[in-house]
Amino acid sequence: MSIILVRIDDRLIHGQIVEGWLKPINANHILVISDDVARDRMQQILLGMAVPKGVKFTSLSVDEGSKKINDGFFNKDRVLLLVPGPEPLLRLLRLGVKFESVNVGGMHYGPGKKQILRTLCVDKDDIDTLMEIGKQGVELEGRVLPDDERINIMEVIGRETQPPAAGDDVNKEANE
């Protein structure tokens, strides 16, 4: 299998992907795995317009993508696999797709989400899903661009989900 990078990025294909990631990882194929995008021909067309000449683009549902990956369909390419969130990745893992590391590049703010890194906002479902992916032995690292410092997402989630330590004043602002 020639998946060079697996990345969570809710914007999917944009400038950071095209200008920041394709050349450093020498990818020649962008694979978007998203049930929503697979059903939306207009979104596929728009995403495809952002892909540089000479780079292949494929959009598949989770089920279709897992089958093609597991069957070796992409073995001759250097693939950048993009998903809009952690849930499709967990489904891919459960369908037998293997990957060692995931770059968590962008999960932006939305209702019920809390910002834990500059470009990472999560809710309880996101945290639970990321933790399940991590428990499967997959490294979760946060970086916007290849030259950025790697941040261990599991450590960040661990800090964010810990209750306040004894003696910490959780109402400090209110008391001042």
Protein backbone atom coordinates (compact mmCIF):
# COMPACT_ATOMS: atom_id res chain seq x y z
CA MET A 1 0.00 0.00 0.00
CA SER A 2 1.35 3.41 -0.88
CA ILE A 3 -0.50 5.70 1.47
CA ILE A 4 2.21 8.19 2.34
CA LEU A 5 0.17 10.40 4.68
CA VAL A 6 -3.20 10.07 6.36
CA ARG A 7 -4.57 13.47 7.40
CA ILE A 8 -7.69 14.71 9.16
CA ASP A 9 -8.60 18.09 7.71
CA ASP A 10 -12.18 19.30 7.60
CA ARG A 11 -11.34 21.62 4.69
CA LEU A 12 -9.99 18.64 2.71
CA ILE A 13 -8.13 20.12 -0.30
CA HIS A 14 -6.86 23.69 0.11
CA GLY A 15 -3.65 25.71 -0.11
CA GLN A 16 -1.85 24.04 2.80
CA ILE A 17 -2.45 20.65 1.22
CA VAL A 18 -1.53 21.63 -2.33
CA GLU A 19 1.38 23.96 -1.53
CA GLY A 20 2.53 22.63 1.84
CA TRP A 21 2.18 18.85 1.76
CA LEU A 22 2.18 17.41 -1.77
CA LYS A 23 5.81 18.18 -2.66
CA PRO A 24 7.44 17.33 0.70
CA ILE A 25 5.80 13.89 0.75
CA ASN A 26 6.09 13.50 -3.04
CA ALA A 27 2.43 12.48 -3.38
CA ASN A 28 0.96 11.97 -6.84
CA HIS A 29 -2.59 11.07 -5.79
CA ILE A 30 -5.05 12.71 -3.39
CA LEU A 31 -7.67 10.33 -2.03
CA VAL A 32 -10.61 11.86 -0.16
CA ILE A 33 -12.55 9.36 1.94
CA SER A 34 -15.90 10.87 2.92
CA ASP A 35 -19.40 9.51 2.57
CA ASP A 36 -20.73 13.07 2.19
CA VAL A 37 -18.30 14.03 -0.57
CA ALA A 38 -18.81 10.69 -2.34
CA ARG A 39 -22.53 11.52 -2.61
CA ASP A 40 -22.03 15.14 -3.71
CA ARG A 41 -20.87 15.44 -7.32
CA MET A 42 -20.61 19.24 -7.11
CA GLN A 43 -18.26 19.06 -4.13
CA GLN A 44 -16.16 16.46 -5.96
CA ILE A 45 -15.86 18.80 -8.94
CA LEU A 46 -14.88 21.75 -6.75
CA LEU A 47 -12.29 19.73 -4.82
CA GLY A 48 -10.91 18.36 -8.07
CA MET A 49 -10.42 21.90 -9.36
CA ALA A 50 -8.00 22.56 -6.48
CA VAL A 51 -5.78 19.60 -7.40
CA PRO A 52 -2.65 20.51 -9.39
CA LYS A 53 -2.05 19.10 -12.87
CA GLY A 54 -0.26 15.79 -12.75
CA VAL A 55 -1.83 14.79 -9.43
CA LYS A 56 -4.65 12.25 -9.49
CA PHE A 57 -7.79 12.83 -7.44
CA THR A 58 -10.25 10.24 -6.19
CA SER A 59 -13.23 10.65 -3.87
CA LEU A 60 -14.76 7.54 -2.30
CA SER A 61 -17.11 6.56 0.48
CA VAL A 62 -15.62 4.81 3.51
CA ASP A 63 -16.86 1.41 2.32
CA GLU A 64 -15.62 1.89 -1.28
CA GLY A 65 -12.33 3.35 -0.09
CA SER A 66 -11.60 0.55 2.35
CA LYS A 67 -12.26 -2.07 -0.33
CA LYS A 68 -10.01 -0.39 -2.90
CA ILE A 69 -7.23 0.23 -0.37
CA ASN A 70 -7.39 -3.34 0.94
CA ASP A 71 -7.44 -4.70 -2.65
CA GLY A 72 -4.24 -2.78 -3.48
CA PHE A 73 -5.89 -0.47 -6.00
CA PHE A 74 -3.59 2.45 -5.03
CA ASN A 75 -0.35 0.45 -4.61
CA LYS A 76 1.36 2.06 -7.61
CA ASP A 77 0.69 5.61 -6.38
CA ARG A 78 2.00 7.78 -3.55
CA VAL A 79 -1.29 8.66 -1.88
CA LEU A 80 -2.24 11.50 0.44
CA LEU A 81 -5.41 10.23 2.14
CA LEU A 82 -7.69 12.98 3.46
CA VAL A 83 -10.71 12.63 5.72
CA PRO A 84 -12.88 15.44 7.14
CA GLY A 85 -12.85 14.08 10.71
CA PRO A 86 -11.82 11.16 12.91
CA GLU A 87 -14.98 9.06 12.45
CA PRO A 88 -14.20 7.91 8.87
CA LEU A 89 -10.71 6.86 10.02
CA LEU A 90 -12.07 4.69 12.80
CA ARG A 91 -14.43 3.09 10.29
CA LEU A 92 -11.52 2.46 7.90
CA LEU A 93 -9.57 0.78 10.72
CA ARG A 94 -12.55 -1.40 11.56
CA LEU A 95 -12.80 -2.37 7.88
CA GLY A 96 -9.21 -3.62 7.89
CA VAL A 97 -7.30 -0.63 6.51
CA LYS A 98 -3.90 -0.35 8.19
CA PHE A 99 -2.01 2.84 8.92
CA GLU A 100 0.53 3.66 11.62
CA SER A 101 0.18 7.40 11.91
CA VAL A 102 -2.42 10.12 11.36
CA ASN A 103 -1.72 13.80 10.93
CA VAL A 104 -4.46 15.78 12.66
CA GLY A 105 -4.24 18.98 10.66
CA GLY A 106 -7.52 20.82 10.96
CA MET A 107 -10.74 20.35 12.85
CA HIS A 108 -12.25 23.78 13.13
CA TYR A 109 -14.69 25.31 15.57
CA GLY A 110 -18.35 24.39 15.53
CA PRO A 111 -21.24 24.18 17.99
CA GLY A 112 -20.28 22.22 21.11
CA LYS A 113 -16.58 22.12 20.20
CA LYS A 114 -13.71 23.24 22.40
CA GLN A 115 -10.41 24.52 21.01
CA ILE A 116 -7.48 22.44 22.30
CA LEU A 117 -4.87 23.50 19.73
CA ARG A 118 -4.69 26.38 17.27
CA THR A 119 -6.36 24.36 14.50
CA LEU A 120 -8.00 21.63 16.55
CA CYS A 121 -11.47 21.96 18.04
CA VAL A 122 -13.18 18.87 19.40
CA ASP A 123 -16.33 17.71 21.11
CA LYS A 124 -16.83 14.61 23.25
CA ASP A 125 -17.53 12.39 20.22
CA ASP A 126 -14.32 13.58 18.52
CA ILE A 127 -12.29 12.90 21.68
CA ASP A 128 -13.82 9.44 22.10
CA THR A 129 -13.14 8.59 18.45
CA LEU A 130 -9.56 9.89 18.52
CA MET A 131 -8.91 7.95 21.72
CA GLU A 132 -10.27 4.77 20.12
CA ILE A 133 -8.00 5.30 17.10
CA GLY A 134 -5.05 5.80 19.45
CA LYS A 135 -5.92 2.63 21.38
CA GLN A 136 -5.59 0.72 18.09
CA GLY A 137 -1.88 1.64 18.06
CA VAL A 138 -2.15 4.52 15.60
CA GLU A 139 0.05 7.55 16.33
CA LEU A 140 -1.97 10.80 16.29
CA GLU A 141 0.24 13.79 15.62
CA GLY A 142 -0.75 17.39 15.14
CA ARG A 143 0.96 19.57 12.53
CA VAL A 144 -0.41 22.12 10.13
CA LEU A 145 2.59 21.86 7.78
CA PRO A 146 5.44 19.34 7.45
CA ASP A 147 8.07 21.61 9.05
CA ASP A 148 5.93 22.33 12.13
CA GLU A 149 6.76 20.66 15.42
CA ARG A 150 4.91 17.37 15.92
CA ILE A 151 2.41 17.50 18.78
CA ASN A 152 1.23 14.26 20.39
CA ILE A 153 -2.56 14.56 20.15
CA MET A 154 -3.15 11.82 22.73
CA GLU A 155 -1.15 13.82 25.30
CA VAL A 156 -3.14 16.96 24.52
CA ILE A 157 -6.43 15.08 24.82
CA GLY A 158 -5.23 13.53 28.07
CA ARG A 159 -4.52 16.97 29.55
CA GLU A 160 -7.84 18.34 28.33
CA THR A 161 -9.90 15.49 29.76
CA GLN A 162 -8.26 15.33 33.18
CA PRO A 163 -10.29 16.70 36.10
CA PRO A 164 -8.68 19.63 37.94
CA ALA A 165 -6.01 18.56 40.42
CA ALA A 166 -6.82 18.76 44.12
CA GLY A 167 -6.29 22.32 45.27
CA ASP A 168 -6.74 23.82 41.80
CA ASP A 169 -9.26 26.62 41.96
CA VAL A 170 -11.58 25.91 39.04
CA ASN A 171 -13.46 29.12 39.77
CA LYS A 172 -10.35 31.31 39.99
CA GLU A 173 -11.69 33.89 37.51
CA ALA A 174 -15.00 34.09 39.31
CA ASN A 175 -13.23 34.63 42.63
CA GLU A 176 -11.08 37.52 41.42
